[in-house]
Amino acid sequence: MKPDVDHDLCIGCGICEEECPEVFQIRDDGLAYVIDQNPEPELYGTIRDCEDMCPVDAISIQGE
């Protein structure tokens, strides 16, 4: 599983960072970034939740 954030869509709402700070981080530019390109399997469910909760569908998951 490889999470990705589309910065053209991201509005920096922070839901992903709040739910999974091990993988997502809002940076100074106000956008979310993936800080762990190869997350541990125990985070997969939380990452999927972040994908579902993103209000602008900026989060996608590769390799599923």
N, C-alpha and C. Protein backbone atom coordinates (compact mmCIF):
# COMPACT_ATOMS: atom_id res chain seq x y z
N MET A 1 0.84 -1.18 0.00
CA MET A 1 0.00 0.00 0.00
C MET A 1 0.89 1.24 0.00
N LYS A 2 0.54 2.16 -0.91
CA LYS A 2 1.29 3.42 -0.98
C LYS A 2 0.29 4.57 -1.05
N PRO A 3 0.12 5.32 0.06
CA PRO A 3 -0.79 6.46 0.04
C PRO A 3 -0.21 7.62 -0.75
N ASP A 4 -1.10 8.43 -1.33
CA ASP A 4 -0.68 9.57 -2.13
C ASP A 4 -1.67 10.71 -1.90
N VAL A 5 -1.16 11.95 -1.98
CA VAL A 5 -2.01 13.14 -1.87
C VAL A 5 -1.86 13.95 -3.15
N ASP A 6 -2.98 14.25 -3.78
CA ASP A 6 -2.99 15.10 -4.97
C ASP A 6 -3.05 16.55 -4.50
N HIS A 7 -1.93 17.25 -4.65
CA HIS A 7 -1.84 18.62 -4.16
C HIS A 7 -2.68 19.60 -4.98
N ASP A 8 -3.10 19.21 -6.15
CA ASP A 8 -4.01 20.05 -6.93
C ASP A 8 -5.42 20.05 -6.34
N LEU A 9 -5.74 18.99 -5.58
CA LEU A 9 -7.06 18.87 -4.96
C LEU A 9 -7.06 19.23 -3.48
N CYS A 10 -5.96 19.00 -2.81
CA CYS A 10 -5.88 19.15 -1.35
C CYS A 10 -6.22 20.58 -0.93
N ILE A 11 -7.07 20.67 0.12
CA ILE A 11 -7.42 21.98 0.68
C ILE A 11 -6.84 22.14 2.09
N GLY A 12 -6.08 21.16 2.55
CA GLY A 12 -5.42 21.26 3.84
C GLY A 12 -6.34 21.27 5.03
N CYS A 13 -7.43 20.53 4.95
CA CYS A 13 -8.40 20.52 6.05
C CYS A 13 -7.84 19.86 7.31
N GLY A 14 -6.88 18.96 7.15
CA GLY A 14 -6.20 18.35 8.30
C GLY A 14 -6.80 17.08 8.84
N ILE A 15 -7.87 16.60 8.24
CA ILE A 15 -8.49 15.36 8.73
C ILE A 15 -7.50 14.20 8.68
N CYS A 16 -6.74 14.12 7.60
CA CYS A 16 -5.81 12.99 7.45
C CYS A 16 -4.72 13.03 8.52
N GLU A 17 -4.18 14.22 8.78
CA GLU A 17 -3.14 14.34 9.80
C GLU A 17 -3.71 14.04 11.19
N GLU A 18 -4.92 14.48 11.43
CA GLU A 18 -5.56 14.23 12.73
C GLU A 18 -5.79 12.74 12.94
N GLU A 19 -6.22 12.04 11.90
CA GLU A 19 -6.53 10.61 12.00
C GLU A 19 -5.29 9.72 11.94
N CYS A 20 -4.29 10.14 11.16
CA CYS A 20 -3.11 9.28 10.97
C CYS A 20 -1.83 10.12 10.84
N PRO A 21 -1.37 10.70 11.95
CA PRO A 21 -0.18 11.55 11.91
C PRO A 21 1.11 10.78 11.59
N GLU A 22 1.04 9.45 11.69
CA GLU A 22 2.21 8.65 11.34
C GLU A 22 2.47 8.68 9.84
N VAL A 23 1.43 9.00 9.05
CA VAL A 23 1.54 8.93 7.60
C VAL A 23 1.34 10.30 6.93
N PHE A 24 0.48 11.13 7.48
CA PHE A 24 0.14 12.41 6.85
C PHE A 24 0.56 13.59 7.71
N GLN A 25 0.98 14.66 7.04
CA GLN A 25 1.40 15.88 7.74
C GLN A 25 0.98 17.10 6.92
N ILE A 26 0.40 18.08 7.60
CA ILE A 26 0.11 19.36 6.97
C ILE A 26 1.36 20.22 7.13
N ARG A 27 1.87 20.71 6.01
CA ARG A 27 3.09 21.51 6.05
C ARG A 27 2.78 23.00 5.98
N ASP A 28 3.83 23.79 6.03
CA ASP A 28 3.69 25.25 6.07
C ASP A 28 2.91 25.82 4.89
N ASP A 29 2.91 25.10 3.76
CA ASP A 29 2.16 25.59 2.60
C ASP A 29 0.66 25.29 2.71
N GLY A 30 0.25 24.64 3.81
CA GLY A 30 -1.15 24.36 4.06
C GLY A 30 -1.67 23.10 3.39
N LEU A 31 -0.79 22.31 2.80
CA LEU A 31 -1.20 21.08 2.12
C LEU A 31 -0.74 19.86 2.88
N ALA A 32 -1.44 18.76 2.67
CA ALA A 32 -1.08 17.49 3.29
C ALA A 32 -0.01 16.79 2.47
N TYR A 33 0.90 16.14 3.17
CA TYR A 33 1.96 15.37 2.54
C TYR A 33 2.03 13.99 3.18
N VAL A 34 2.45 13.02 2.40
CA VAL A 34 2.69 11.67 2.91
C VAL A 34 4.11 11.65 3.44
N ILE A 35 4.25 11.36 4.72
CA ILE A 35 5.58 11.34 5.33
C ILE A 35 6.10 9.92 5.52
N ASP A 36 5.27 8.93 5.27
CA ASP A 36 5.69 7.52 5.32
C ASP A 36 5.17 6.83 4.07
N GLN A 37 6.04 6.67 3.09
CA GLN A 37 5.67 6.07 1.81
C GLN A 37 5.39 4.57 1.90
N ASN A 38 5.86 3.93 2.95
CA ASN A 38 5.67 2.49 3.14
C ASN A 38 5.17 2.21 4.55
N PRO A 39 3.91 2.58 4.82
CA PRO A 39 3.40 2.41 6.18
C PRO A 39 3.26 0.94 6.58
N GLU A 40 3.28 0.75 7.87
CA GLU A 40 3.11 -0.60 8.43
C GLU A 40 1.68 -1.07 8.19
N PRO A 41 1.51 -2.38 8.02
CA PRO A 41 0.17 -2.93 7.75
C PRO A 41 -0.88 -2.57 8.80
N GLU A 42 -0.49 -2.36 10.04
CA GLU A 42 -1.49 -2.02 11.05
C GLU A 42 -2.12 -0.64 10.84
N LEU A 43 -1.53 0.17 9.97
CA LEU A 43 -2.08 1.49 9.65
C LEU A 43 -2.98 1.48 8.42
N TYR A 44 -3.06 0.37 7.71
CA TYR A 44 -3.81 0.32 6.45
C TYR A 44 -5.27 0.73 6.62
N GLY A 45 -5.91 0.24 7.66
CA GLY A 45 -7.32 0.58 7.88
C GLY A 45 -7.51 2.07 8.12
N THR A 46 -6.62 2.66 8.90
CA THR A 46 -6.70 4.09 9.19
C THR A 46 -6.44 4.90 7.93
N ILE A 47 -5.52 4.46 7.10
CA ILE A 47 -5.22 5.16 5.85
C ILE A 47 -6.44 5.09 4.93
N ARG A 48 -7.07 3.94 4.86
CA ARG A 48 -8.30 3.82 4.05
C ARG A 48 -9.39 4.75 4.58
N ASP A 49 -9.48 4.86 5.90
CA ASP A 49 -10.46 5.79 6.50
C ASP A 49 -10.15 7.22 6.08
N CYS A 50 -8.89 7.59 6.08
CA CYS A 50 -8.49 8.94 5.65
C CYS A 50 -8.88 9.17 4.19
N GLU A 51 -8.68 8.18 3.36
CA GLU A 51 -9.06 8.29 1.95
C GLU A 51 -10.58 8.53 1.86
N ASP A 52 -11.35 7.81 2.64
CA ASP A 52 -12.81 7.94 2.62
C ASP A 52 -13.28 9.29 3.19
N MET A 53 -12.58 9.80 4.19
CA MET A 53 -13.00 11.03 4.86
C MET A 53 -12.56 12.31 4.15
N CYS A 54 -11.59 12.22 3.26
CA CYS A 54 -11.09 13.43 2.59
C CYS A 54 -12.25 14.08 1.82
N PRO A 55 -12.57 15.34 2.15
CA PRO A 55 -13.73 15.97 1.53
C PRO A 55 -13.57 16.30 0.05
N VAL A 56 -12.33 16.30 -0.44
CA VAL A 56 -12.10 16.63 -1.85
C VAL A 56 -11.46 15.48 -2.63
N ASP A 57 -11.45 14.29 -2.03
CA ASP A 57 -10.89 13.08 -2.66
C ASP A 57 -9.45 13.27 -3.11
N ALA A 58 -8.65 13.97 -2.30
CA ALA A 58 -7.26 14.21 -2.64
C ALA A 58 -6.35 13.03 -2.29
N ILE A 59 -6.83 12.14 -1.44
CA ILE A 59 -6.02 10.99 -1.01
C ILE A 59 -6.38 9.77 -1.84
N SER A 60 -5.34 9.14 -2.35
CA SER A 60 -5.54 7.88 -3.08
C SER A 60 -4.55 6.86 -2.53
N ILE A 61 -4.83 5.62 -2.83
CA ILE A 61 -3.96 4.52 -2.38
C ILE A 61 -3.54 3.73 -3.60
N GLN A 62 -2.24 3.60 -3.78
CA GLN A 62 -1.69 2.82 -4.89
C GLN A 62 -1.33 1.43 -4.36
N GLY A 63 -1.36 0.47 -5.24
CA GLY A 63 -0.91 -0.87 -4.88
C GLY A 63 -1.94 -1.72 -4.18
N GLU A 64 -3.21 -1.46 -4.42
CA GLU A 64 -4.25 -2.31 -3.83
C GLU A 64 -4.98 -3.04 -4.91
